[in-house]
Amino acid sequence: MKQYGIFDMDGLLVDSENVFRVVFEEMAQERGLEVDPQFFHEVCGTCGDYELAIIHRYYPTLNPPVFWQEWHNRGMERMKTQIDLKPGVVEILSYLKEQGLKLAVASSSGLEVIRHHLEVGGISRYFDLLVSGEQVEHCKPEPDVFLLAAKELGADPRDCYVFEDSLQGGWAGVKAGCTTVLVPDQVPPTPELKEAVAAVCPTLNHALELIREGTL
């Protein structure tokens, strides 16, 4: 077993990716835009200029910063007082803390959003550290946010689990040199990513079983 656990948030701990997908589909319909499923494959787990560039590439008629802000605001409004956790979240966090692991969230979201989601979801007490994509130069799929989390934990990345749901996050964990566990949410993994990660699990409960068995 590793000594540290680094978790993505959106789509892994909390069911926020689905909320933002629904909001995007509503906004696209309002603007007469066709929803391209491949868009979600690329945009999930990203942030900053990288995310805005994806929006512009798929929807060049939009003003990406303005559209993103409305997308973000509408999604956050829906999650203001209720956040649904993904299956197995409490179980795996409780077990890892009982085993003495230090735990971090390393998310592309801003720190204010991270704190809100963890507080409303009732899981903030499990984490020793919160790291945001706003704190690093390069967002996922680059490894910066996971490397920063490992550094702040005082850990060698090789001693860290990374738990992710997105393609971009999965590659970021692999590039960081962490033992990366993929729990796909909105987007199935590519064959190349399946080969690169330590495990692909349908839920965090399944990942917990592998850890308990000593195979992760």
N, C-alpha and C. Protein backbone atom coordinates (compact mmCIF):
# COMPACT_ATOMS: atom_id res chain seq x y z
N MET A 1 0.84 -1.20 0.00
CA MET A 1 0.00 0.00 0.00
C MET A 1 0.88 1.25 0.00
N LYS A 2 0.44 2.25 -0.75
CA LYS A 2 1.14 3.52 -0.78
C LYS A 2 0.92 4.28 0.53
N GLN A 3 1.67 5.35 0.70
CA GLN A 3 1.59 6.15 1.93
C GLN A 3 0.72 7.39 1.79
N TYR A 4 0.38 7.73 0.54
CA TYR A 4 -0.37 8.96 0.28
C TYR A 4 -1.45 8.70 -0.78
N GLY A 5 -2.56 9.43 -0.67
CA GLY A 5 -3.61 9.33 -1.66
C GLY A 5 -4.00 10.71 -2.17
N ILE A 6 -3.96 10.89 -3.48
CA ILE A 6 -4.32 12.17 -4.10
C ILE A 6 -5.55 11.94 -4.97
N PHE A 7 -6.60 12.68 -4.70
CA PHE A 7 -7.88 12.50 -5.37
C PHE A 7 -8.24 13.70 -6.22
N ASP A 8 -8.67 13.43 -7.45
CA ASP A 8 -9.40 14.44 -8.20
C ASP A 8 -10.73 14.65 -7.48
N MET A 9 -11.48 15.65 -7.88
CA MET A 9 -12.76 15.90 -7.21
C MET A 9 -13.95 15.71 -8.13
N ASP A 10 -14.06 16.56 -9.16
CA ASP A 10 -15.25 16.55 -10.02
C ASP A 10 -15.34 15.26 -10.82
N GLY A 11 -16.46 14.55 -10.65
CA GLY A 11 -16.66 13.30 -11.38
C GLY A 11 -16.07 12.10 -10.69
N LEU A 12 -15.25 12.32 -9.66
CA LEU A 12 -14.65 11.22 -8.91
C LEU A 12 -15.20 11.16 -7.50
N LEU A 13 -15.09 12.25 -6.76
CA LEU A 13 -15.64 12.33 -5.42
C LEU A 13 -17.08 12.82 -5.44
N VAL A 14 -17.35 13.83 -6.24
CA VAL A 14 -18.69 14.41 -6.30
C VAL A 14 -19.24 14.32 -7.72
N ASP A 15 -20.54 14.19 -7.83
CA ASP A 15 -21.18 13.97 -9.13
C ASP A 15 -21.47 15.31 -9.81
N SER A 16 -20.42 16.11 -9.98
CA SER A 16 -20.58 17.44 -10.54
C SER A 16 -20.46 17.47 -12.06
N GLU A 17 -19.68 16.53 -12.62
CA GLU A 17 -19.49 16.53 -14.07
C GLU A 17 -20.84 16.36 -14.78
N ASN A 18 -21.70 15.52 -14.22
CA ASN A 18 -23.01 15.31 -14.84
C ASN A 18 -23.85 16.58 -14.78
N VAL A 19 -23.74 17.32 -13.67
CA VAL A 19 -24.46 18.59 -13.55
C VAL A 19 -24.01 19.55 -14.64
N PHE A 20 -22.68 19.67 -14.81
CA PHE A 20 -22.16 20.61 -15.81
C PHE A 20 -22.45 20.14 -17.24
N ARG A 21 -22.54 18.85 -17.44
CA ARG A 21 -22.91 18.35 -18.77
C ARG A 21 -24.35 18.78 -19.11
N VAL A 22 -25.25 18.60 -18.16
CA VAL A 22 -26.65 18.96 -18.38
C VAL A 22 -26.78 20.47 -18.62
N VAL A 23 -26.06 21.26 -17.82
CA VAL A 23 -26.11 22.71 -17.99
C VAL A 23 -25.57 23.10 -19.36
N PHE A 24 -24.46 22.47 -19.78
CA PHE A 24 -23.90 22.77 -21.10
C PHE A 24 -24.91 22.46 -22.20
N GLU A 25 -25.55 21.31 -22.11
CA GLU A 25 -26.54 20.94 -23.13
C GLU A 25 -27.68 21.94 -23.19
N GLU A 26 -28.11 22.44 -22.04
CA GLU A 26 -29.15 23.46 -22.01
C GLU A 26 -28.68 24.76 -22.67
N MET A 27 -27.47 25.17 -22.35
CA MET A 27 -26.94 26.41 -22.91
C MET A 27 -26.70 26.29 -24.42
N ALA A 28 -26.26 25.12 -24.86
CA ALA A 28 -26.06 24.90 -26.29
C ALA A 28 -27.40 24.96 -27.02
N GLN A 29 -28.42 24.36 -26.44
CA GLN A 29 -29.75 24.39 -27.07
C GLN A 29 -30.27 25.83 -27.15
N GLU A 30 -30.06 26.60 -26.11
CA GLU A 30 -30.49 27.99 -26.10
C GLU A 30 -29.83 28.81 -27.22
N ARG A 31 -28.61 28.39 -27.59
CA ARG A 31 -27.85 29.13 -28.60
C ARG A 31 -27.92 28.46 -29.97
N GLY A 32 -28.70 27.40 -30.09
CA GLY A 32 -28.84 26.72 -31.37
C GLY A 32 -27.59 25.96 -31.79
N LEU A 33 -26.79 25.50 -30.82
CA LEU A 33 -25.55 24.78 -31.10
C LEU A 33 -25.77 23.27 -30.98
N GLU A 34 -25.09 22.53 -31.82
CA GLU A 34 -25.14 21.08 -31.74
C GLU A 34 -24.14 20.61 -30.69
N VAL A 35 -24.56 19.67 -29.86
CA VAL A 35 -23.69 19.13 -28.82
C VAL A 35 -22.83 18.02 -29.42
N ASP A 36 -21.53 18.23 -29.41
CA ASP A 36 -20.58 17.24 -29.91
C ASP A 36 -20.09 16.42 -28.73
N PRO A 37 -20.40 15.10 -28.66
CA PRO A 37 -19.97 14.29 -27.52
C PRO A 37 -18.46 14.30 -27.31
N GLN A 38 -17.70 14.46 -28.39
CA GLN A 38 -16.24 14.47 -28.27
C GLN A 38 -15.76 15.67 -27.46
N PHE A 39 -16.56 16.72 -27.45
CA PHE A 39 -16.21 17.90 -26.66
C PHE A 39 -15.99 17.54 -25.20
N PHE A 40 -16.89 16.72 -24.64
CA PHE A 40 -16.77 16.34 -23.24
C PHE A 40 -15.55 15.45 -23.00
N HIS A 41 -15.19 14.65 -24.00
CA HIS A 41 -13.99 13.82 -23.88
C HIS A 41 -12.76 14.69 -23.64
N GLU A 42 -12.74 15.84 -24.26
CA GLU A 42 -11.56 16.70 -24.18
C GLU A 42 -11.62 17.71 -23.04
N VAL A 43 -12.80 18.17 -22.69
CA VAL A 43 -12.88 19.28 -21.75
C VAL A 43 -12.92 18.83 -20.29
N CYS A 44 -13.37 17.59 -20.02
CA CYS A 44 -13.47 17.11 -18.64
C CYS A 44 -12.10 17.08 -17.97
N GLY A 45 -12.01 17.68 -16.80
CA GLY A 45 -10.77 17.65 -16.04
C GLY A 45 -9.79 18.75 -16.35
N THR A 46 -10.14 19.65 -17.29
CA THR A 46 -9.20 20.71 -17.69
C THR A 46 -9.54 22.01 -16.98
N CYS A 47 -8.71 23.04 -17.24
CA CYS A 47 -8.97 24.34 -16.63
C CYS A 47 -8.23 25.42 -17.41
N GLY A 48 -8.50 26.67 -17.05
CA GLY A 48 -7.74 27.80 -17.56
C GLY A 48 -7.77 27.96 -19.07
N ASP A 49 -6.67 28.45 -19.61
CA ASP A 49 -6.58 28.70 -21.05
C ASP A 49 -6.73 27.43 -21.86
N TYR A 50 -6.28 26.31 -21.32
CA TYR A 50 -6.41 25.03 -22.02
C TYR A 50 -7.89 24.71 -22.26
N GLU A 51 -8.70 24.92 -21.23
CA GLU A 51 -10.14 24.67 -21.34
C GLU A 51 -10.79 25.65 -22.31
N LEU A 52 -10.42 26.92 -22.22
CA LEU A 52 -10.99 27.93 -23.11
C LEU A 52 -10.65 27.65 -24.57
N ALA A 53 -9.45 27.13 -24.81
CA ALA A 53 -9.04 26.80 -26.17
C ALA A 53 -9.88 25.67 -26.74
N ILE A 54 -10.25 24.72 -25.89
CA ILE A 54 -11.10 23.61 -26.34
C ILE A 54 -12.50 24.13 -26.69
N ILE A 55 -13.04 25.00 -25.85
CA ILE A 55 -14.35 25.60 -26.14
C ILE A 55 -14.31 26.33 -27.48
N HIS A 56 -13.25 27.11 -27.70
CA HIS A 56 -13.15 27.87 -28.94
C HIS A 56 -13.01 26.95 -30.15
N ARG A 57 -12.28 25.87 -30.00
CA ARG A 57 -12.06 24.95 -31.13
C ARG A 57 -13.36 24.28 -31.56
N TYR A 58 -14.17 23.89 -30.59
CA TYR A 58 -15.43 23.20 -30.93
C TYR A 58 -16.55 24.18 -31.26
N TYR A 59 -16.53 25.34 -30.63
CA TYR A 59 -17.62 26.30 -30.81
C TYR A 59 -17.04 27.69 -31.06
N PRO A 60 -16.50 27.94 -32.26
CA PRO A 60 -15.79 29.18 -32.57
C PRO A 60 -16.67 30.43 -32.54
N THR A 61 -17.99 30.26 -32.58
CA THR A 61 -18.86 31.44 -32.54
C THR A 61 -19.04 31.98 -31.12
N LEU A 62 -18.62 31.21 -30.12
CA LEU A 62 -18.78 31.64 -28.73
C LEU A 62 -17.61 32.52 -28.29
N ASN A 63 -17.88 33.33 -27.30
CA ASN A 63 -16.81 34.03 -26.57
C ASN A 63 -16.45 33.13 -25.39
N PRO A 64 -15.33 32.40 -25.46
CA PRO A 64 -15.06 31.35 -24.45
C PRO A 64 -15.09 31.83 -23.00
N PRO A 65 -14.43 32.97 -22.63
CA PRO A 65 -14.47 33.37 -21.21
C PRO A 65 -15.88 33.70 -20.72
N VAL A 66 -16.65 34.37 -21.57
CA VAL A 66 -18.02 34.73 -21.19
C VAL A 66 -18.89 33.49 -21.07
N PHE A 67 -18.77 32.60 -22.05
CA PHE A 67 -19.56 31.37 -22.01
C PHE A 67 -19.17 30.53 -20.80
N TRP A 68 -17.86 30.38 -20.56
CA TRP A 68 -17.40 29.57 -19.43
C TRP A 68 -17.94 30.11 -18.12
N GLN A 69 -17.92 31.43 -17.95
CA GLN A 69 -18.37 32.02 -16.69
C GLN A 69 -19.85 31.73 -16.45
N GLU A 70 -20.66 31.86 -17.50
CA GLU A 70 -22.08 31.54 -17.33
C GLU A 70 -22.27 30.06 -17.05
N TRP A 71 -21.53 29.21 -17.76
CA TRP A 71 -21.58 27.76 -17.55
C TRP A 71 -21.23 27.42 -16.10
N HIS A 72 -20.15 28.01 -15.62
CA HIS A 72 -19.70 27.79 -14.25
C HIS A 72 -20.75 28.28 -13.24
N ASN A 73 -21.26 29.49 -13.45
CA ASN A 73 -22.20 30.07 -12.50
C ASN A 73 -23.48 29.25 -12.41
N ARG A 74 -24.00 28.82 -13.56
CA ARG A 74 -25.24 28.05 -13.56
C ARG A 74 -25.05 26.69 -12.92
N GLY A 75 -23.91 26.08 -13.18
CA GLY A 75 -23.63 24.79 -12.55
C GLY A 75 -23.49 24.91 -11.04
N MET A 76 -22.76 25.93 -10.60
CA MET A 76 -22.55 26.13 -9.17
C MET A 76 -23.86 26.46 -8.45
N GLU A 77 -24.74 27.19 -9.11
CA GLU A 77 -26.02 27.52 -8.50
C GLU A 77 -26.81 26.26 -8.19
N ARG A 78 -26.74 25.27 -9.09
CA ARG A 78 -27.48 24.02 -8.88
C ARG A 78 -26.87 23.18 -7.76
N MET A 79 -25.59 23.41 -7.46
CA MET A 79 -24.93 22.63 -6.42
C MET A 79 -24.71 23.44 -5.14
N LYS A 80 -25.46 24.52 -5.01
CA LYS A 80 -25.23 25.44 -3.90
C LYS A 80 -25.47 24.77 -2.55
N THR A 81 -26.50 23.96 -2.46
CA THR A 81 -26.87 23.38 -1.17
C THR A 81 -26.87 21.86 -1.16
N GLN A 82 -26.65 21.24 -2.31
CA GLN A 82 -26.63 19.77 -2.35
C GLN A 82 -25.57 19.28 -3.33
N ILE A 83 -24.71 18.39 -2.82
CA ILE A 83 -23.69 17.74 -3.64
C ILE A 83 -23.84 16.24 -3.47
N ASP A 84 -24.03 15.54 -4.55
CA ASP A 84 -24.14 14.09 -4.49
C ASP A 84 -22.76 13.46 -4.61
N LEU A 85 -22.43 12.55 -3.68
CA LEU A 85 -21.16 11.85 -3.73
C LEU A 85 -21.24 10.67 -4.69
N LYS A 86 -20.10 10.33 -5.28
CA LYS A 86 -20.02 9.16 -6.13
C LYS A 86 -19.96 7.90 -5.26
N PRO A 87 -20.34 6.75 -5.80
CA PRO A 87 -20.32 5.51 -5.00
C PRO A 87 -18.94 5.20 -4.46
N GLY A 88 -18.90 4.81 -3.19
CA GLY A 88 -17.67 4.34 -2.58
C GLY A 88 -16.77 5.42 -1.99
N VAL A 89 -17.18 6.68 -2.08
CA VAL A 89 -16.31 7.76 -1.63
C VAL A 89 -16.01 7.67 -0.13
N VAL A 90 -17.04 7.62 0.68
CA VAL A 90 -16.84 7.59 2.14
C VAL A 90 -16.08 6.34 2.55
N GLU A 91 -16.39 5.22 1.90
CA GLU A 91 -15.75 3.96 2.26
C GLU A 91 -14.24 4.00 2.03
N ILE A 92 -13.82 4.47 0.86
CA ILE A 92 -12.39 4.47 0.56
C ILE A 92 -11.65 5.54 1.37
N LEU A 93 -12.26 6.70 1.56
CA LEU A 93 -11.61 7.74 2.36
C LEU A 93 -11.46 7.29 3.81
N SER A 94 -12.50 6.69 4.36
CA SER A 94 -12.43 6.22 5.75
C SER A 94 -11.35 5.16 5.91
N TYR A 95 -11.30 4.21 4.97
CA TYR A 95 -10.31 3.13 5.07
C TYR A 95 -8.89 3.67 4.98
N LEU A 96 -8.63 4.54 4.02
CA LEU A 96 -7.27 5.06 3.84
C LEU A 96 -6.83 5.89 5.05
N LYS A 97 -7.73 6.66 5.63
CA LYS A 97 -7.38 7.43 6.82
C LYS A 97 -7.10 6.50 8.00
N GLU A 98 -7.89 5.43 8.11
CA GLU A 98 -7.66 4.45 9.18
C GLU A 98 -6.29 3.79 9.04
N GLN A 99 -5.82 3.66 7.80
CA GLN A 99 -4.51 3.06 7.56
C GLN A 99 -3.37 4.06 7.71
N GLY A 100 -3.69 5.31 8.02
CA GLY A 100 -2.68 6.31 8.29
C GLY A 100 -2.19 7.07 7.07
N LEU A 101 -2.88 6.96 5.92
CA LEU A 101 -2.46 7.70 4.74
C LEU A 101 -2.81 9.18 4.88
N LYS A 102 -1.93 10.03 4.37
CA LYS A 102 -2.26 11.44 4.21
C LYS A 102 -2.97 11.59 2.87
N LEU A 103 -4.05 12.37 2.86
CA LEU A 103 -4.89 12.48 1.67
C LEU A 103 -4.98 13.93 1.21
N ALA A 104 -5.01 14.09 -0.12
CA ALA A 104 -5.12 15.41 -0.72
C ALA A 104 -6.15 15.39 -1.84
N VAL A 105 -6.74 16.53 -2.10
CA VAL A 105 -7.51 16.75 -3.32
C VAL A 105 -6.64 17.59 -4.25
N ALA A 106 -6.51 17.15 -5.50
CA ALA A 106 -5.79 17.92 -6.52
C ALA A 106 -6.73 18.04 -7.72
N SER A 107 -7.38 19.18 -7.82
CA SER A 107 -8.47 19.37 -8.79
C SER A 107 -8.18 20.55 -9.70
N SER A 108 -8.75 20.50 -10.90
CA SER A 108 -8.66 21.64 -11.80
C SER A 108 -9.53 22.80 -11.36
N SER A 109 -10.48 22.54 -10.47
CA SER A 109 -11.35 23.60 -9.97
C SER A 109 -10.59 24.55 -9.06
N GLY A 110 -11.17 25.74 -8.84
CA GLY A 110 -10.58 26.71 -7.93
C GLY A 110 -10.71 26.26 -6.48
N LEU A 111 -9.87 26.81 -5.60
CA LEU A 111 -9.89 26.40 -4.20
C LEU A 111 -11.23 26.68 -3.53
N GLU A 112 -11.86 27.79 -3.88
CA GLU A 112 -13.17 28.10 -3.30
C GLU A 112 -14.21 27.04 -3.68
N VAL A 113 -14.17 26.61 -4.93
CA VAL A 113 -15.09 25.57 -5.39
C VAL A 113 -14.78 24.25 -4.70
N ILE A 114 -13.50 23.91 -4.60
CA ILE A 114 -13.11 22.66 -3.93
C ILE A 114 -13.63 22.65 -2.50
N ARG A 115 -13.37 23.73 -1.77
CA ARG A 115 -13.82 23.80 -0.37
C ARG A 115 -15.34 23.67 -0.28
N HIS A 116 -16.05 24.37 -1.16
CA HIS A 116 -17.52 24.31 -1.15
C HIS A 116 -18.02 22.89 -1.36
N HIS A 117 -17.53 22.23 -2.41
CA HIS A 117 -18.01 20.89 -2.73
C HIS A 117 -17.71 19.90 -1.61
N LEU A 118 -16.52 19.98 -1.03
CA LEU A 118 -16.17 19.04 0.04
C LEU A 118 -16.98 19.30 1.30
N GLU A 119 -17.22 20.58 1.61
CA GLU A 119 -18.02 20.92 2.79
C GLU A 119 -19.47 20.47 2.63
N VAL A 120 -20.07 20.84 1.49
CA VAL A 120 -21.47 20.49 1.27
C VAL A 120 -21.63 18.97 1.14
N GLY A 121 -20.62 18.31 0.56
CA GLY A 121 -20.66 16.86 0.45
C GLY A 121 -20.33 16.14 1.75
N GLY A 122 -19.86 16.87 2.75
CA GLY A 122 -19.60 16.29 4.06
C GLY A 122 -18.33 15.46 4.16
N ILE A 123 -17.33 15.74 3.28
CA ILE A 123 -16.12 14.92 3.28
C ILE A 123 -14.84 15.73 3.47
N SER A 124 -14.96 17.00 3.83
CA SER A 124 -13.76 17.84 3.95
C SER A 124 -12.83 17.33 5.05
N ARG A 125 -13.37 16.69 6.08
CA ARG A 125 -12.56 16.27 7.23
C ARG A 125 -11.52 15.21 6.88
N TYR A 126 -11.67 14.55 5.75
CA TYR A 126 -10.74 13.47 5.38
C TYR A 126 -9.43 13.99 4.81
N PHE A 127 -9.37 15.24 4.39
CA PHE A 127 -8.24 15.70 3.59
C PHE A 127 -7.28 16.59 4.37
N ASP A 128 -5.99 16.29 4.17
CA ASP A 128 -4.92 17.06 4.80
C ASP A 128 -4.48 18.24 3.94
N LEU A 129 -4.84 18.22 2.65
CA LEU A 129 -4.32 19.22 1.71
C LEU A 129 -5.29 19.38 0.55
N LEU A 130 -5.46 20.63 0.09
CA LEU A 130 -6.23 20.93 -1.10
C LEU A 130 -5.33 21.67 -2.08
N VAL A 131 -5.30 21.22 -3.33
CA VAL A 131 -4.49 21.86 -4.36
C VAL A 131 -5.39 22.12 -5.57
N SER A 132 -5.26 23.31 -6.14
CA SER A 132 -6.09 23.73 -7.27
C SER A 132 -5.26 23.89 -8.53
N GLY A 133 -5.91 23.69 -9.67
CA GLY A 133 -5.26 23.95 -10.95
C GLY A 133 -4.85 25.40 -11.11
N GLU A 134 -5.46 26.29 -10.31
CA GLU A 134 -5.10 27.71 -10.35
C GLU A 134 -3.70 27.97 -9.78
N GLN A 135 -3.16 27.00 -9.05
CA GLN A 135 -1.87 27.17 -8.38
C GLN A 135 -0.69 26.72 -9.23
N VAL A 136 -0.95 26.17 -10.41
CA VAL A 136 0.13 25.63 -11.24
C VAL A 136 0.11 26.28 -12.61
N GLU A 137 1.23 26.16 -13.30
CA GLU A 137 1.34 26.77 -14.63
C GLU A 137 0.55 26.02 -15.67
N HIS A 138 0.60 24.69 -15.62
CA HIS A 138 -0.04 23.86 -16.63
C HIS A 138 -1.11 22.98 -16.00
N CYS A 139 -2.32 23.02 -16.57
CA CYS A 139 -3.41 22.19 -16.09
C CYS A 139 -3.27 20.76 -16.63
N LYS A 140 -4.08 19.87 -16.09
CA LYS A 140 -4.18 18.52 -16.63
C LYS A 140 -4.52 18.63 -18.13
N PRO A 141 -3.90 17.84 -18.99
CA PRO A 141 -3.23 16.56 -18.76
C PRO A 141 -1.76 16.64 -18.36
N GLU A 142 -1.23 17.83 -18.12
CA GLU A 142 0.12 17.93 -17.59
C GLU A 142 0.12 17.55 -16.10
N PRO A 143 1.23 17.10 -15.56
CA PRO A 143 1.24 16.53 -14.20
C PRO A 143 1.39 17.55 -13.08
N ASP A 144 1.43 18.85 -13.40
CA ASP A 144 1.82 19.87 -12.43
C ASP A 144 1.03 19.81 -11.12
N VAL A 145 -0.29 19.64 -11.20
CA VAL A 145 -1.11 19.71 -9.99
C VAL A 145 -0.83 18.52 -9.08
N PHE A 146 -0.56 17.36 -9.65
CA PHE A 146 -0.24 16.19 -8.83
C PHE A 146 1.17 16.28 -8.26
N LEU A 147 2.09 16.83 -9.02
CA LEU A 147 3.45 17.01 -8.52
C LEU A 147 3.46 18.02 -7.36
N LEU A 148 2.66 19.08 -7.49
CA LEU A 148 2.57 20.05 -6.40
C LEU A 148 1.95 19.41 -5.16
N ALA A 149 0.90 18.62 -5.34
CA ALA A 149 0.28 17.95 -4.20
C ALA A 149 1.27 17.03 -3.50
N ALA A 150 2.03 16.26 -4.27
CA ALA A 150 3.03 15.37 -3.67
C ALA A 150 4.08 16.17 -2.91
N LYS A 151 4.52 17.25 -3.51
CA LYS A 151 5.52 18.10 -2.86
C LYS A 151 5.00 18.65 -1.54
N GLU A 152 3.77 19.16 -1.55
CA GLU A 152 3.19 19.75 -0.34
C GLU A 152 2.94 18.69 0.73
N LEU A 153 2.70 17.46 0.32
CA LEU A 153 2.53 16.36 1.28
C LEU A 153 3.87 15.85 1.80
N GLY A 154 4.96 16.29 1.17
CA GLY A 154 6.27 15.79 1.52
C GLY A 154 6.52 14.39 1.00
N ALA A 155 5.93 14.07 -0.14
CA ALA A 155 5.93 12.71 -0.66
C ALA A 155 6.69 12.60 -1.98
N ASP A 156 7.28 11.46 -2.20
CA ASP A 156 7.76 11.08 -3.52
C ASP A 156 6.53 10.67 -4.34
N PRO A 157 6.36 11.18 -5.56
CA PRO A 157 5.19 10.80 -6.36
C PRO A 157 5.01 9.29 -6.49
N ARG A 158 6.10 8.54 -6.44
CA ARG A 158 6.01 7.08 -6.56
C ARG A 158 5.35 6.44 -5.34
N ASP A 159 5.27 7.20 -4.25
CA ASP A 159 4.62 6.70 -3.04
C ASP A 159 3.16 7.14 -2.95
N CYS A 160 2.63 7.71 -4.03
CA CYS A 160 1.27 8.27 -4.02
C CYS A 160 0.34 7.49 -4.95
N TYR A 161 -0.87 7.24 -4.46
CA TYR A 161 -1.98 6.90 -5.35
C TYR A 161 -2.51 8.19 -5.94
N VAL A 162 -2.91 8.15 -7.19
CA VAL A 162 -3.74 9.18 -7.78
C VAL A 162 -5.03 8.51 -8.25
N PHE A 163 -6.16 9.06 -7.82
CA PHE A 163 -7.48 8.56 -8.22
C PHE A 163 -8.11 9.60 -9.14
N GLU A 164 -8.48 9.18 -10.33
CA GLU A 164 -8.98 10.09 -11.36
C GLU A 164 -10.16 9.47 -12.10
N ASP A 165 -10.95 10.35 -12.74
CA ASP A 165 -12.05 9.87 -13.56
C ASP A 165 -11.91 10.24 -15.03
N SER A 166 -11.11 11.27 -15.34
CA SER A 166 -11.07 11.79 -16.71
C SER A 166 -9.83 11.33 -17.46
N LEU A 167 -9.89 11.43 -18.78
CA LEU A 167 -8.74 11.10 -19.61
C LEU A 167 -7.58 12.01 -19.29
N GLN A 168 -7.84 13.31 -19.20
CA GLN A 168 -6.78 14.28 -18.94
C GLN A 168 -6.15 14.05 -17.57
N GLY A 169 -6.98 13.79 -16.59
CA GLY A 169 -6.48 13.54 -15.25
C GLY A 169 -5.70 12.24 -15.16
N GLY A 170 -6.18 11.22 -15.87
CA GLY A 170 -5.46 9.95 -15.88
C GLY A 170 -4.06 10.10 -16.43
N TRP A 171 -3.94 10.82 -17.55
CA TRP A 171 -2.61 11.04 -18.13
C TRP A 171 -1.75 11.90 -17.23
N ALA A 172 -2.35 12.86 -16.53
CA ALA A 172 -1.58 13.69 -15.61
C ALA A 172 -0.98 12.86 -14.48
N GLY A 173 -1.78 11.92 -13.95
CA GLY A 173 -1.28 11.05 -12.90
C GLY A 173 -0.16 10.17 -13.37
N VAL A 174 -0.30 9.63 -14.58
CA VAL A 174 0.74 8.78 -15.16
C VAL A 174 2.03 9.57 -15.36
N LYS A 175 1.90 10.77 -15.93
CA LYS A 175 3.07 11.60 -16.18
C LYS A 175 3.77 12.01 -14.87
N ALA A 176 2.99 12.13 -13.80
CA ALA A 176 3.57 12.51 -12.51
C ALA A 176 4.36 11.36 -11.89
N GLY A 177 4.17 10.16 -12.39
CA GLY A 177 4.86 9.00 -11.83
C GLY A 177 4.13 8.36 -10.66
N CYS A 178 2.87 8.71 -10.46
CA CYS A 178 2.06 8.16 -9.37
C CYS A 178 1.38 6.85 -9.81
N THR A 179 0.99 6.05 -8.83
CA THR A 179 0.19 4.86 -9.10
C THR A 179 -1.23 5.33 -9.38
N THR A 180 -1.60 5.37 -10.64
CA THR A 180 -2.84 6.04 -11.06
C THR A 180 -3.97 5.04 -11.25
N VAL A 181 -5.08 5.32 -10.58
CA VAL A 181 -6.27 4.47 -10.64
C VAL A 181 -7.37 5.28 -11.32
N LEU A 182 -7.89 4.76 -12.41
CA LEU A 182 -8.92 5.46 -13.18
C LEU A 182 -10.29 4.88 -12.85
N VAL A 183 -11.21 5.78 -12.49
CA VAL A 183 -12.62 5.41 -12.24
C VAL A 183 -13.45 6.26 -13.19
N PRO A 184 -13.65 5.80 -14.42
CA PRO A 184 -14.26 6.64 -15.46
C PRO A 184 -15.66 7.13 -15.08
N ASP A 185 -15.92 8.38 -15.41
CA ASP A 185 -17.23 8.97 -15.14
C ASP A 185 -17.97 9.24 -16.45
N GLN A 186 -17.67 10.36 -17.10
CA GLN A 186 -18.36 10.74 -18.33
C GLN A 186 -17.75 10.11 -19.58
N VAL A 187 -16.46 9.79 -19.52
CA VAL A 187 -15.74 9.40 -20.72
C VAL A 187 -14.99 8.09 -20.50
N PRO A 188 -15.18 7.09 -21.37
CA PRO A 188 -14.43 5.84 -21.22
C PRO A 188 -12.96 6.04 -21.58
N PRO A 189 -12.06 5.27 -20.97
CA PRO A 189 -10.63 5.45 -21.26
C PRO A 189 -10.27 4.90 -22.63
N THR A 190 -9.24 5.47 -23.21
CA THR A 190 -8.70 4.95 -24.46
C THR A 190 -7.89 3.70 -24.17
N PRO A 191 -7.65 2.85 -25.17
CA PRO A 191 -6.79 1.67 -24.95
C PRO A 191 -5.41 2.06 -24.43
N GLU A 192 -4.87 3.18 -24.93
CA GLU A 192 -3.54 3.61 -24.49
C GLU A 192 -3.53 3.98 -23.01
N LEU A 193 -4.59 4.65 -22.54
CA LEU A 193 -4.65 5.03 -21.14
C LEU A 193 -4.88 3.81 -20.26
N LYS A 194 -5.71 2.88 -20.71
CA LYS A 194 -5.92 1.63 -19.96
C LYS A 194 -4.59 0.93 -19.71
N GLU A 195 -3.75 0.94 -20.72
CA GLU A 195 -2.45 0.28 -20.61
C GLU A 195 -1.52 1.03 -19.66
N ALA A 196 -1.66 2.34 -19.59
CA ALA A 196 -0.72 3.16 -18.84
C ALA A 196 -1.02 3.22 -17.34
N VAL A 197 -2.30 3.14 -16.96
CA VAL A 197 -2.66 3.28 -15.55
C VAL A 197 -2.49 1.96 -14.81
N ALA A 198 -2.50 2.05 -13.48
CA ALA A 198 -2.34 0.84 -12.66
C ALA A 198 -3.61 -0.01 -12.66
N ALA A 199 -4.77 0.65 -12.75
CA ALA A 199 -6.05 -0.08 -12.74
C ALA A 199 -7.14 0.82 -13.28
N VAL A 200 -8.15 0.19 -13.88
CA VAL A 200 -9.38 0.86 -14.27
C VAL A 200 -10.50 0.20 -13.48
N CYS A 201 -11.23 0.98 -12.69
CA CYS A 201 -12.24 0.45 -11.79
C CYS A 201 -13.61 1.07 -12.08
N PRO A 202 -14.68 0.28 -11.99
CA PRO A 202 -16.01 0.86 -12.24
C PRO A 202 -16.44 1.84 -11.16
N THR A 203 -16.00 1.62 -9.92
CA THR A 203 -16.32 2.53 -8.81
C THR A 203 -15.13 2.58 -7.85
N LEU A 204 -15.19 3.52 -6.93
CA LEU A 204 -14.17 3.59 -5.89
C LEU A 204 -14.25 2.40 -4.94
N ASN A 205 -15.42 1.79 -4.83
CA ASN A 205 -15.54 0.57 -4.03
C ASN A 205 -14.65 -0.54 -4.59
N HIS A 206 -14.62 -0.65 -5.91
CA HIS A 206 -13.78 -1.67 -6.54
C HIS A 206 -12.31 -1.34 -6.32
N ALA A 207 -11.94 -0.07 -6.42
CA ALA A 207 -10.56 0.33 -6.14
C ALA A 207 -10.18 -0.03 -4.70
N LEU A 208 -11.10 0.18 -3.77
CA LEU A 208 -10.84 -0.16 -2.37
C LEU A 208 -10.61 -1.66 -2.21
N GLU A 209 -11.38 -2.48 -2.91
CA GLU A 209 -11.17 -3.92 -2.85
C GLU A 209 -9.76 -4.30 -3.30
N LEU A 210 -9.28 -3.68 -4.36
CA LEU A 210 -7.94 -3.98 -4.85
C LEU A 210 -6.88 -3.57 -3.85
N ILE A 211 -7.09 -2.44 -3.19
CA ILE A 211 -6.13 -2.00 -2.16
C ILE A 211 -6.13 -2.96 -0.98
N ARG A 212 -7.31 -3.37 -0.55
CA ARG A 212 -7.40 -4.31 0.57
C ARG A 212 -6.76 -5.65 0.22
N GLU A 213 -6.87 -6.06 -1.04
CA GLU A 213 -6.27 -7.31 -1.48
C GLU A 213 -4.77 -7.22 -1.63
N GLY A 214 -4.25 -5.98 -1.63
CA GLY A 214 -2.82 -5.79 -1.80
C GLY A 214 -2.36 -5.83 -3.23
N THR A 215 -3.29 -5.67 -4.19
CA THR A 215 -2.92 -5.69 -5.60
C THR A 215 -2.72 -4.29 -6.16
N LEU A 216 -2.90 -3.28 -5.34
CA LEU A 216 -2.63 -1.90 -5.74
C LEU A 216 -1.66 -1.28 -4.74
